[in-house]
């Protein structure tokens, strides 16, 4: 099987086309944290990849971040075969785990 490189453009195309699977865990955490689906989509469409998790199974995942209008992180996986984006979780970063930029992970 040939490996393929997933791009942020692939992920954004999937979101724009409505090919998004909202994991139960993500929806539960979003509800608890007061994060809407629109905020998650905005993070995907306008944010940047800050971490890659290529060894995640069953498909690799990434961490996206945005700081405007407020800081938000989204963990998602993209299935290149089905061209679907799987939303794993979303949260507001804090200074316990991230530097002042809310993007750089603290080393501890």
PDB file of N, CA and C in Angstrom:
ATOM      1  N   UNK A   1       0.845  -1.183   0.000  1.00  0.00           N
ATOM      2  CA  UNK A   1       0.000   0.000   0.000  1.00  0.00           C
ATOM      3  C   UNK A   1       0.889   1.245   0.000  1.00  0.00           C
ATOM      4  N   UNK A   2       0.543   2.203  -0.809  1.00  0.00           N
ATOM      5  CA  UNK A   2       1.313   3.432  -0.905  1.00  0.00           C
ATOM      6  C   UNK A   2       0.875   4.392   0.189  1.00  0.00           C
ATOM      7  N   UNK A   3       1.837   4.976   0.898  1.00  0.00           N
ATOM      8  CA  UNK A   3       1.474   5.961   1.916  1.00  0.00           C
ATOM      9  C   UNK A   3       1.211   7.282   1.222  1.00  0.00           C
ATOM     10  N   UNK A   4       0.315   8.060   1.826  1.00  0.00           N
ATOM     11  CA  UNK A   4       0.042   9.363   1.249  1.00  0.00           C
ATOM     12  C   UNK A   4       0.185  10.406   2.343  1.00  0.00           C
ATOM     13  N   UNK A   5       0.512  11.600   1.944  1.00  0.00           N
ATOM     14  CA  UNK A   5       0.674  12.690   2.878  1.00  0.00           C
ATOM     15  C   UNK A   5      -0.611  13.494   2.911  1.00  0.00           C
ATOM     16  N   UNK A   6      -1.139  13.641   4.107  1.00  0.00           N
ATOM     17  CA  UNK A   6      -2.355  14.411   4.288  1.00  0.00           C
ATOM     18  C   UNK A   6      -1.966  15.866   4.503  1.00  0.00           C
ATOM     19  N   UNK A   7      -2.676  16.747   3.835  1.00  0.00           N
ATOM     20  CA  UNK A   7      -2.391  18.170   3.979  1.00  0.00           C
ATOM     21  C   UNK A   7      -3.542  18.853   4.718  1.00  0.00           C
ATOM     22  N   UNK A   8      -3.247  20.026   5.238  1.00  0.00           N
ATOM     23  CA  UNK A   8      -4.287  20.822   5.878  1.00  0.00           C
ATOM     24  C   UNK A   8      -5.371  21.169   4.866  1.00  0.00           C
ATOM     25  N   UNK A   9      -4.998  21.309   3.619  1.00  0.00           N
ATOM     26  CA  UNK A   9      -5.970  21.578   2.560  1.00  0.00           C
ATOM     27  C   UNK A   9      -6.946  20.407   2.409  1.00  0.00           C
ATOM     28  N   UNK A  10      -6.440  19.162   2.488  1.00  0.00           N
ATOM     29  CA  UNK A  10      -7.311  17.980   2.427  1.00  0.00           C
ATOM     30  C   UNK A  10      -8.343  18.023   3.550  1.00  0.00           C
ATOM     31  N   UNK A  11      -7.864  18.352   4.747  1.00  0.00           N
ATOM     32  CA  UNK A  11      -8.735  18.397   5.925  1.00  0.00           C
ATOM     33  C   UNK A  11      -9.779  19.496   5.765  1.00  0.00           C
ATOM     34  N   UNK A  12      -9.349  20.654   5.331  1.00  0.00           N
ATOM     35  CA  UNK A  12     -10.289  21.772   5.149  1.00  0.00           C
ATOM     36  C   UNK A  12     -11.313  21.473   4.058  1.00  0.00           C
ATOM     37  N   UNK A  13     -10.892  20.800   3.000  1.00  0.00           N
ATOM     38  CA  UNK A  13     -11.845  20.408   1.955  1.00  0.00           C
ATOM     39  C   UNK A  13     -12.903  19.468   2.504  1.00  0.00           C
ATOM     40  N   UNK A  14     -12.487  18.531   3.350  1.00  0.00           N
ATOM     41  CA  UNK A  14     -13.437  17.594   3.961  1.00  0.00           C
ATOM     42  C   UNK A  14     -14.438  18.341   4.838  1.00  0.00           C
ATOM     43  N   UNK A  15     -13.945  19.271   5.643  1.00  0.00           N
ATOM     44  CA  UNK A  15     -14.836  20.046   6.518  1.00  0.00           C
ATOM     45  C   UNK A  15     -15.799  20.879   5.682  1.00  0.00           C
ATOM     46  N   UNK A  16     -15.299  21.548   4.670  1.00  0.00           N
ATOM     47  CA  UNK A  16     -16.165  22.370   3.808  1.00  0.00           C
ATOM     48  C   UNK A  16     -17.214  21.540   3.079  1.00  0.00           C
ATOM     49  N   UNK A  17     -16.892  20.284   2.795  1.00  0.00           N
ATOM     50  CA  UNK A  17     -17.828  19.391   2.099  1.00  0.00           C
ATOM     51  C   UNK A  17     -18.755  18.662   3.079  1.00  0.00           C
ATOM     52  N   UNK A  18     -18.571  18.893   4.383  1.00  0.00           N
ATOM     53  CA  UNK A  18     -19.428  18.256   5.376  1.00  0.00           C
ATOM     54  C   UNK A  18     -19.034  16.831   5.711  1.00  0.00           C
ATOM     55  N   UNK A  19     -17.817  16.431   5.343  1.00  0.00           N
ATOM     56  CA  UNK A  19     -17.349  15.070   5.634  1.00  0.00           C
ATOM     57  C   UNK A  19     -16.638  15.059   6.996  1.00  0.00           C
ATOM     58  N   UNK A  20     -17.434  15.283   8.047  1.00  0.00           N
ATOM     59  CA  UNK A  20     -16.914  15.374   9.403  1.00  0.00           C
ATOM     60  C   UNK A  20     -17.648  14.372  10.280  1.00  0.00           C
ATOM     61  N   UNK A  21     -16.879  13.576  11.007  1.00  0.00           N
ATOM     62  CA  UNK A  21     -17.454  12.643  11.978  1.00  0.00           C
ATOM     63  C   UNK A  21     -17.122  13.156  13.371  1.00  0.00           C
ATOM     64  N   UNK A  22     -18.137  13.435  14.143  1.00  0.00           N
ATOM     65  CA  UNK A  22     -17.982  13.954  15.491  1.00  0.00           C
ATOM     66  C   UNK A  22     -17.991  12.785  16.463  1.00  0.00           C
ATOM     67  N   UNK A  23     -16.837  12.476  17.036  1.00  0.00           N
ATOM     68  CA  UNK A  23     -16.747  11.387  18.002  1.00  0.00           C
ATOM     69  C   UNK A  23     -17.567  11.736  19.240  1.00  0.00           C
ATOM     70  N   UNK A  24     -18.167  10.725  19.857  1.00  0.00           N
ATOM     71  CA  UNK A  24     -18.983  10.937  21.052  1.00  0.00           C
ATOM     72  C   UNK A  24     -18.179  11.664  22.129  1.00  0.00           C
ATOM     73  N   UNK A  25     -16.939  11.242  22.333  1.00  0.00           N
ATOM     74  CA  UNK A  25     -16.070  11.878  23.322  1.00  0.00           C
ATOM     75  C   UNK A  25     -15.927  13.370  23.038  1.00  0.00           C
ATOM     76  N   UNK A  26     -15.725  13.723  21.779  1.00  0.00           N
ATOM     77  CA  UNK A  26     -15.549  15.130  21.405  1.00  0.00           C
ATOM     78  C   UNK A  26     -16.807  15.927  21.734  1.00  0.00           C
ATOM     79  N   UNK A  27     -17.960  15.408  21.373  1.00  0.00           N
ATOM     80  CA  UNK A  27     -19.212  16.125  21.619  1.00  0.00           C
ATOM     81  C   UNK A  27     -19.478  16.291  23.112  1.00  0.00           C
ATOM     82  N   UNK A  28     -19.167  15.259  23.897  1.00  0.00           N
ATOM     83  CA  UNK A  28     -19.347  15.351  25.349  1.00  0.00           C
ATOM     84  C   UNK A  28     -18.430  16.420  25.939  1.00  0.00           C
ATOM     85  N   UNK A  29     -17.162  16.404  25.553  1.00  0.00           N
ATOM     86  CA  UNK A  29     -16.205  17.374  26.081  1.00  0.00           C
ATOM     87  C   UNK A  29     -16.536  18.785  25.611  1.00  0.00           C
ATOM     88  N   UNK A  30     -16.951  18.927  24.374  1.00  0.00           N
ATOM     89  CA  UNK A  30     -17.321  20.237  23.852  1.00  0.00           C
ATOM     90  C   UNK A  30     -18.493  20.806  24.646  1.00  0.00           C
ATOM     91  N   UNK A  31     -19.478  19.978  24.948  1.00  0.00           N
ATOM     92  CA  UNK A  31     -20.632  20.417  25.730  1.00  0.00           C
ATOM     93  C   UNK A  31     -20.177  20.868  27.120  1.00  0.00           C
ATOM     94  N   UNK A  32     -19.338  20.055  27.758  1.00  0.00           N
ATOM     95  CA  UNK A  32     -18.818  20.397  29.088  1.00  0.00           C
ATOM     96  C   UNK A  32     -18.039  21.705  29.073  1.00  0.00           C
ATOM     97  N   UNK A  33     -17.317  21.961  27.995  1.00  0.00           N
ATOM     98  CA  UNK A  33     -16.408  23.106  27.911  1.00  0.00           C
ATOM     99  C   UNK A  33     -17.030  24.326  27.230  1.00  0.00           C
ATOM    100  N   UNK A  34     -18.268  24.210  26.817  1.00  0.00           N
ATOM    101  CA  UNK A  34     -18.936  25.328  26.152  1.00  0.00           C
ATOM    102  C   UNK A  34     -18.340  25.670  24.803  1.00  0.00           C
ATOM    103  N   UNK A  35     -17.940  24.646  24.053  1.00  0.00           N
ATOM    104  CA  UNK A  35     -17.337  24.830  22.730  1.00  0.00           C
ATOM    105  C   UNK A  35     -18.328  24.345  21.675  1.00  0.00           C
ATOM    106  N   UNK A  36     -18.605  25.192  20.693  1.00  0.00           N
ATOM    107  CA  UNK A  36     -19.578  24.841  19.657  1.00  0.00           C
ATOM    108  C   UNK A  36     -18.912  24.158  18.460  1.00  0.00           C
ATOM    109  N   UNK A  37     -19.736  23.511  17.655  1.00  0.00           N
ATOM    110  CA  UNK A  37     -19.230  22.906  16.412  1.00  0.00           C
ATOM    111  C   UNK A  37     -18.658  23.994  15.499  1.00  0.00           C
ATOM    112  N   UNK A  38     -19.295  25.158  15.468  1.00  0.00           N
ATOM    113  CA  UNK A  38     -18.791  26.247  14.624  1.00  0.00           C
ATOM    114  C   UNK A  38     -17.415  26.708  15.070  1.00  0.00           C
ATOM    115  N   UNK A  39     -17.162  26.744  16.383  1.00  0.00           N
ATOM    116  CA  UNK A  39     -15.836  27.127  16.877  1.00  0.00           C
ATOM    117  C   UNK A  39     -14.791  26.101  16.441  1.00  0.00           C
ATOM    118  N   UNK A  40     -15.156  24.825  16.491  1.00  0.00           N
ATOM    119  CA  UNK A  40     -14.232  23.772  16.065  1.00  0.00           C
ATOM    120  C   UNK A  40     -13.950  23.899  14.572  1.00  0.00           C
ATOM    121  N   UNK A  41     -14.995  24.079  13.780  1.00  0.00           N
ATOM    122  CA  UNK A  41     -14.810  24.235  12.334  1.00  0.00           C
ATOM    123  C   UNK A  41     -13.955  25.455  12.024  1.00  0.00           C
ATOM    124  N   UNK A  42     -14.171  26.556  12.727  1.00  0.00           N
ATOM    125  CA  UNK A  42     -13.365  27.766  12.522  1.00  0.00           C
ATOM    126  C   UNK A  42     -11.895  27.493  12.818  1.00  0.00           C
ATOM    127  N   UNK A  43     -11.633  26.731  13.869  1.00  0.00           N
ATOM    128  CA  UNK A  43     -10.252  26.383  14.205  1.00  0.00           C
ATOM    129  C   UNK A  43      -9.619  25.567  13.093  1.00  0.00           C
ATOM    130  N   UNK A  44     -10.358  24.643  12.539  1.00  0.00           N
ATOM    131  CA  UNK A  44      -9.838  23.816  11.451  1.00  0.00           C
ATOM    132  C   UNK A  44      -9.604  24.657  10.192  1.00  0.00           C
ATOM    133  N   UNK A  45     -10.543  25.526   9.883  1.00  0.00           N
ATOM    134  CA  UNK A  45     -10.455  26.301   8.647  1.00  0.00           C
ATOM    135  C   UNK A  45      -9.442  27.437   8.700  1.00  0.00           C
ATOM    136  N   UNK A  46      -9.130  27.920   9.919  1.00  0.00           N
ATOM    137  CA  UNK A  46      -8.251  29.091  10.018  1.00  0.00           C
ATOM    138  C   UNK A  46      -7.039  28.883  10.919  1.00  0.00           C
ATOM    139  N   UNK A  47      -6.964  27.748  11.599  1.00  0.00           N
ATOM    140  CA  UNK A  47      -5.867  27.486  12.514  1.00  0.00           C
ATOM    141  C   UNK A  47      -4.659  26.868  11.834  1.00  0.00           C
ATOM    142  N   UNK A  48      -3.697  26.503  12.673  1.00  0.00           N
ATOM    143  CA  UNK A  48      -2.449  25.913  12.181  1.00  0.00           C
ATOM    144  C   UNK A  48      -2.183  24.598  12.906  1.00  0.00           C
ATOM    145  N   UNK A  49      -1.518  23.694  12.210  1.00  0.00           N
ATOM    146  CA  UNK A  49      -1.107  22.438  12.833  1.00  0.00           C
ATOM    147  C   UNK A  49       0.062  22.739  13.762  1.00  0.00           C
ATOM    148  N   UNK A  50      -0.068  22.342  15.045  1.00  0.00           N
ATOM    149  CA  UNK A  50       1.036  22.583  15.980  1.00  0.00           C
ATOM    150  C   UNK A  50       1.688  21.288  16.456  1.00  0.00           C
ATOM    151  N   UNK A  51       1.006  20.166  16.308  1.00  0.00           N
ATOM    152  CA  UNK A  51       1.608  18.872  16.644  1.00  0.00           C
ATOM    153  C   UNK A  51       1.035  17.806  15.718  1.00  0.00           C
ATOM    154  N   UNK A  52       1.871  16.812  15.419  1.00  0.00           N
ATOM    155  CA  UNK A  52       1.460  15.654  14.622  1.00  0.00           C
ATOM    156  C   UNK A  52       1.611  14.404  15.474  1.00  0.00           C
ATOM    157  N   UNK A  53       0.670  13.489  15.346  1.00  0.00           N
ATOM    158  CA  UNK A  53       0.730  12.216  16.054  1.00  0.00           C
ATOM    159  C   UNK A  53       0.642  11.086  15.017  1.00  0.00           C
ATOM    160  N   UNK A  54       1.733  10.856  14.278  1.00  0.00           N
ATOM    161  CA  UNK A  54       1.700   9.895  13.170  1.00  0.00           C
ATOM    162  C   UNK A  54       1.505   8.445  13.611  1.00  0.00           C
ATOM    163  N   UNK A  55       1.770   8.139  14.874  1.00  0.00           N
ATOM    164  CA  UNK A  55       1.643   6.763  15.345  1.00  0.00           C
ATOM    165  C   UNK A  55       0.280   6.456  15.954  1.00  0.00           C
ATOM    166  N   UNK A  56      -0.631   7.431  15.972  1.00  0.00           N
ATOM    167  CA  UNK A  56      -1.976   7.170  16.497  1.00  0.00           C
ATOM    168  C   UNK A  56      -2.688   6.141  15.631  1.00  0.00           C
ATOM    169  N   UNK A  57      -3.489   5.322  16.266  1.00  0.00           N
ATOM    170  CA  UNK A  57      -4.249   4.282  15.562  1.00  0.00           C
ATOM    171  C   UNK A  57      -5.722   4.446  15.868  1.00  0.00           C
ATOM    172  N   UNK A  58      -6.602   4.174  14.938  1.00  0.00           N
ATOM    173  CA  UNK A  58      -6.335   3.506  13.669  1.00  0.00           C
ATOM    174  C   UNK A  58      -5.811   4.428  12.566  1.00  0.00           C
ATOM    175  N   UNK A  59      -5.937   5.747  12.755  1.00  0.00           N
ATOM    176  CA  UNK A  59      -5.369   6.668  11.766  1.00  0.00           C
ATOM    177  C   UNK A  59      -4.613   7.775  12.498  1.00  0.00           C
ATOM    178  N   UNK A  60      -3.568   8.306  11.871  1.00  0.00           N
ATOM    179  CA  UNK A  60      -2.786   9.376  12.500  1.00  0.00           C
ATOM    180  C   UNK A  60      -3.661  10.593  12.810  1.00  0.00           C
ATOM    181  N   UNK A  61      -3.273  11.346  13.836  1.00  0.00           N
ATOM    182  CA  UNK A  61      -4.031  12.540  14.192  1.00  0.00           C
ATOM    183  C   UNK A  61      -3.108  13.742  14.299  1.00  0.00           C
ATOM    184  N   UNK A  62      -3.731  14.911  14.424  1.00  0.00           N
ATOM    185  CA  UNK A  62      -2.992  16.165  14.540  1.00  0.00           C
ATOM    186  C   UNK A  62      -3.664  17.058  15.577  1.00  0.00           C
ATOM    187  N   UNK A  63      -2.905  18.033  16.048  1.00  0.00           N
ATOM    188  CA  UNK A  63      -3.426  19.061  16.936  1.00  0.00           C
ATOM    189  C   UNK A  63      -3.368  20.383  16.192  1.00  0.00           C
ATOM    190  N   UNK A  64      -4.516  21.027  16.082  1.00  0.00           N
ATOM    191  CA  UNK A  64      -4.633  22.337  15.445  1.00  0.00           C
ATOM    192  C   UNK A  64      -4.881  23.388  16.512  1.00  0.00           C
ATOM    193  N   UNK A  65      -4.403  24.594  16.278  1.00  0.00           N
ATOM    194  CA  UNK A  65      -4.611  25.681  17.233  1.00  0.00           C
ATOM    195  C   UNK A  65      -4.966  26.971  16.524  1.00  0.00           C
ATOM    196  N   UNK A  66      -5.745  27.768  17.227  1.00  0.00           N
ATOM    197  CA  UNK A  66      -6.071  29.117  16.781  1.00  0.00           C
ATOM    198  C   UNK A  66      -6.073  29.994  18.028  1.00  0.00           C
ATOM    199  N   UNK A  67      -5.680  31.241  17.891  1.00  0.00           N
ATOM    200  CA  UNK A  67      -5.670  32.154  19.037  1.00  0.00           C
ATOM    201  C   UNK A  67      -6.659  33.305  18.904  1.00  0.00           C
ATOM    202  N   UNK A  68      -7.303  33.433  17.759  1.00  0.00           N
ATOM    203  CA  UNK A  68      -8.269  34.515  17.557  1.00  0.00           C
ATOM    204  C   UNK A  68      -9.589  33.944  17.079  1.00  0.00           C
ATOM    205  N   UNK A  69     -10.728  34.300  17.564  1.00  0.00           N
ATOM    206  CA  UNK A  69     -10.938  35.333  18.565  1.00  0.00           C
ATOM    207  C   UNK A  69     -10.573  34.889  19.984  1.00  0.00           C
ATOM    208  N   UNK A  70     -10.483  33.591  20.215  1.00  0.00           N
ATOM    209  CA  UNK A  70      -9.986  33.072  21.486  1.00  0.00           C
ATOM    210  C   UNK A  70      -9.189  31.815  21.206  1.00  0.00           C
ATOM    211  N   UNK A  71      -8.322  31.454  22.148  1.00  0.00           N
ATOM    212  CA  UNK A  71      -7.474  30.269  21.951  1.00  0.00           C
ATOM    213  C   UNK A  71      -8.322  28.998  22.025  1.00  0.00           C
ATOM    214  N   UNK A  72      -8.128  28.126  21.035  1.00  0.00           N
ATOM    215  CA  UNK A  72      -8.828  26.853  20.997  1.00  0.00           C
ATOM    216  C   UNK A  72      -7.934  25.831  20.319  1.00  0.00           C
ATOM    217  N   UNK A  73      -7.925  24.622  20.840  1.00  0.00           N
ATOM    218  CA  UNK A  73      -7.187  23.513  20.245  1.00  0.00           C
ATOM    219  C   UNK A  73      -8.173  22.436  19.829  1.00  0.00           C
ATOM    220  N   UNK A  74      -7.898  21.801  18.709  1.00  0.00           N
ATOM    221  CA  UNK A  74      -8.724  20.705  18.201  1.00  0.00           C
ATOM    222  C   UNK A  74      -7.802  19.554  17.823  1.00  0.00           C
ATOM    223  N   UNK A  75      -8.128  18.369  18.339  1.00  0.00           N
ATOM    224  CA  UNK A  75      -7.429  17.154  17.938  1.00  0.00           C
ATOM    225  C   UNK A  75      -8.345  16.441  16.954  1.00  0.00           C
ATOM    226  N   UNK A  76      -7.783  16.116  15.791  1.00  0.00           N
ATOM    227  CA  UNK A  76      -8.574  15.417  14.782  1.00  0.00           C
ATOM    228  C   UNK A  76      -7.720  14.397  14.055  1.00  0.00           C
ATOM    229  N   UNK A  77      -8.409  13.489  13.420  1.00  0.00           N
ATOM    230  CA  UNK A  77      -7.756  12.505  12.556  1.00  0.00           C
ATOM    231  C   UNK A  77      -8.403  12.625  11.186  1.00  0.00           C
ATOM    232  N   UNK A  78      -7.597  12.418  10.154  1.00  0.00           N
ATOM    233  CA  UNK A  78      -8.111  12.484   8.788  1.00  0.00           C
ATOM    234  C   UNK A  78      -7.887  11.144   8.122  1.00  0.00           C
ATOM    235  N   UNK A  79      -8.976  10.551   7.666  1.00  0.00           N
ATOM    236  CA  UNK A  79      -8.920   9.270   6.962  1.00  0.00           C
ATOM    237  C   UNK A  79      -8.830   9.565   5.465  1.00  0.00           C
ATOM    238  N   UNK A  80      -7.645   9.389   4.910  1.00  0.00           N
ATOM    239  CA  UNK A  80      -7.417   9.710   3.495  1.00  0.00           C
ATOM    240  C   UNK A  80      -8.207   8.794   2.561  1.00  0.00           C
ATOM    241  N   UNK A  81      -8.515   7.593   3.006  1.00  0.00           N
ATOM    242  CA  UNK A  81      -9.256   6.663   2.149  1.00  0.00           C
ATOM    243  C   UNK A  81     -10.701   7.125   1.977  1.00  0.00           C
ATOM    244  N   UNK A  82     -11.372   7.460   3.088  1.00  0.00           N
ATOM    245  CA  UNK A  82     -12.763   7.910   3.012  1.00  0.00           C
ATOM    246  C   UNK A  82     -12.865   9.423   2.858  1.00  0.00           C
ATOM    247  N   UNK A  83     -11.716  10.111   2.972  1.00  0.00           N
ATOM    248  CA  UNK A  83     -11.650  11.568   2.916  1.00  0.00           C
ATOM    249  C   UNK A  83     -12.555  12.209   3.972  1.00  0.00           C
ATOM    250  N   UNK A  84     -12.552  11.608   5.172  1.00  0.00           N
ATOM    251  CA  UNK A  84     -13.367  12.112   6.273  1.00  0.00           C
ATOM    252  C   UNK A  84     -12.484  12.610   7.415  1.00  0.00           C
ATOM    253  N   UNK A  85     -12.955  13.650   8.047  1.00  0.00           N
ATOM    254  CA  UNK A  85     -12.278  14.236   9.188  1.00  0.00           C
ATOM    255  C   UNK A  85     -12.988  13.767  10.454  1.00  0.00           C
ATOM    256  N   UNK A  86     -12.239  13.186  11.388  1.00  0.00           N
ATOM    257  CA  UNK A  86     -12.784  12.680  12.648  1.00  0.00           C
ATOM    258  C   UNK A  86     -12.380  13.647  13.759  1.00  0.00           C
ATOM    259  N   UNK A  87     -13.357  14.293  14.378  1.00  0.00           N
ATOM    260  CA  UNK A  87     -13.070  15.210  15.474  1.00  0.00           C
ATOM    261  C   UNK A  87     -12.950  14.388  16.752  1.00  0.00           C
ATOM    262  N   UNK A  88     -11.774  14.431  17.373  1.00  0.00           N
ATOM    263  CA  UNK A  88     -11.496  13.619  18.555  1.00  0.00           C
ATOM    264  C   UNK A  88     -11.789  14.385  19.834  1.00  0.00           C
ATOM    265  N   UNK A  89     -11.309  15.622  19.929  1.00  0.00           N
ATOM    266  CA  UNK A  89     -11.618  16.459  21.090  1.00  0.00           C
ATOM    267  C   UNK A  89     -11.292  17.904  20.773  1.00  0.00           C
ATOM    268  N   UNK A  90     -11.800  18.798  21.618  1.00  0.00           N
ATOM    269  CA  UNK A  90     -11.510  20.226  21.510  1.00  0.00           C
ATOM    270  C   UNK A  90     -11.435  20.787  22.922  1.00  0.00           C
ATOM    271  N   UNK A  91     -10.511  21.722  23.113  1.00  0.00           N
ATOM    272  CA  UNK A  91     -10.345  22.310  24.443  1.00  0.00           C
ATOM    273  C   UNK A  91      -9.685  23.674  24.331  1.00  0.00           C
ATOM    274  N   UNK A  92      -9.808  24.426  25.413  1.00  0.00           N
ATOM    275  CA  UNK A  92      -9.116  25.709  25.513  1.00  0.00           C
ATOM    276  C   UNK A  92      -7.789  25.456  26.223  1.00  0.00           C
ATOM    277  N   UNK A  93      -6.686  25.796  25.589  1.00  0.00           N
ATOM    278  CA  UNK A  93      -5.373  25.549  26.210  1.00  0.00           C
ATOM    279  C   UNK A  93      -5.189  26.426  27.450  1.00  0.00           C
ATOM    280  N   UNK A  94      -4.352  25.939  28.377  1.00  0.00           N
ATOM    281  CA  UNK A  94      -4.077  26.708  29.591  1.00  0.00           C
ATOM    282  C   UNK A  94      -2.574  26.835  29.807  1.00  0.00           C
ATOM    283  N   UNK A  95      -2.214  27.727  30.715  1.00  0.00           N
ATOM    284  CA  UNK A  95      -0.804  28.005  30.974  1.00  0.00           C
ATOM    285  C   UNK A  95      -0.121  26.896  31.760  1.00  0.00           C
ATOM    286  N   UNK A  96      -0.881  25.965  32.287  1.00  0.00           N
ATOM    287  CA  UNK A  96      -0.287  24.814  32.961  1.00  0.00           C
ATOM    288  C   UNK A  96       0.421  23.922  31.953  1.00  0.00           C
ATOM    289  N   UNK A  97      -0.158  23.800  30.769  1.00  0.00           N
ATOM    290  CA  UNK A  97       0.365  22.885  29.750  1.00  0.00           C
ATOM    291  C   UNK A  97       1.049  23.582  28.581  1.00  0.00           C
ATOM    292  N   UNK A  98       0.764  24.883  28.392  1.00  0.00           N
ATOM    293  CA  UNK A  98       1.298  25.611  27.243  1.00  0.00           C
ATOM    294  C   UNK A  98       1.947  26.914  27.686  1.00  0.00           C
ATOM    295  N   UNK A  99       2.891  27.387  26.865  1.00  0.00           N
ATOM    296  CA  UNK A  99       3.559  28.663  27.124  1.00  0.00           C
ATOM    297  C   UNK A  99       2.569  29.810  26.892  1.00  0.00           C
ATOM    298  N   UNK A 100       3.028  31.043  27.091  1.00  0.00           N
ATOM    299  CA  UNK A 100       2.157  32.209  26.957  1.00  0.00           C
ATOM    300  C   UNK A 100       1.491  32.328  25.588  1.00  0.00           C
ATOM    301  N   UNK A 101       2.142  31.787  24.557  1.00  0.00           N
ATOM    302  CA  UNK A 101       1.547  31.846  23.216  1.00  0.00           C
ATOM    303  C   UNK A 101       0.380  30.881  23.053  1.00  0.00           C
ATOM    304  N   UNK A 102       0.183  30.001  24.057  1.00  0.00           N
ATOM    305  CA  UNK A 102      -0.870  28.975  24.065  1.00  0.00           C
ATOM    306  C   UNK A 102      -0.744  27.998  22.900  1.00  0.00           C
ATOM    307  N   UNK A 103       0.457  27.919  22.336  1.00  0.00           N
ATOM    308  CA  UNK A 103       0.732  26.995  21.231  1.00  0.00           C
ATOM    309  C   UNK A 103       1.908  26.086  21.583  1.00  0.00           C
ATOM    310  N   UNK A 104       2.924  26.639  22.189  1.00  0.00           N
ATOM    311  CA  UNK A 104       4.113  25.865  22.534  1.00  0.00           C
ATOM    312  C   UNK A 104       3.871  25.086  23.819  1.00  0.00           C
ATOM    313  N   UNK A 105       4.037  23.769  23.732  1.00  0.00           N
ATOM    314  CA  UNK A 105       3.810  22.922  24.901  1.00  0.00           C
ATOM    315  C   UNK A 105       4.946  23.135  25.905  1.00  0.00           C
ATOM    316  N   UNK A 106       4.563  23.247  27.171  1.00  0.00           N
ATOM    317  CA  UNK A 106       5.569  23.387  28.248  1.00  0.00           C
ATOM    318  C   UNK A 106       6.306  22.080  28.427  1.00  0.00           C
ATOM    319  N   UNK A 107       7.592  22.162  28.663  1.00  0.00           N
ATOM    320  CA  UNK A 107       8.403  20.986  28.960  1.00  0.00           C
ATOM    321  C   UNK A 107       8.463  20.843  30.477  1.00  0.00           C
ATOM    322  N   UNK A 108       8.029  19.689  30.952  1.00  0.00           N
ATOM    323  CA  UNK A 108       8.109  19.496  32.402  1.00  0.00           C
ATOM    324  C   UNK A 108       8.448  18.082  32.733  1.00  0.00           C
TER     325      UNK A 108
END
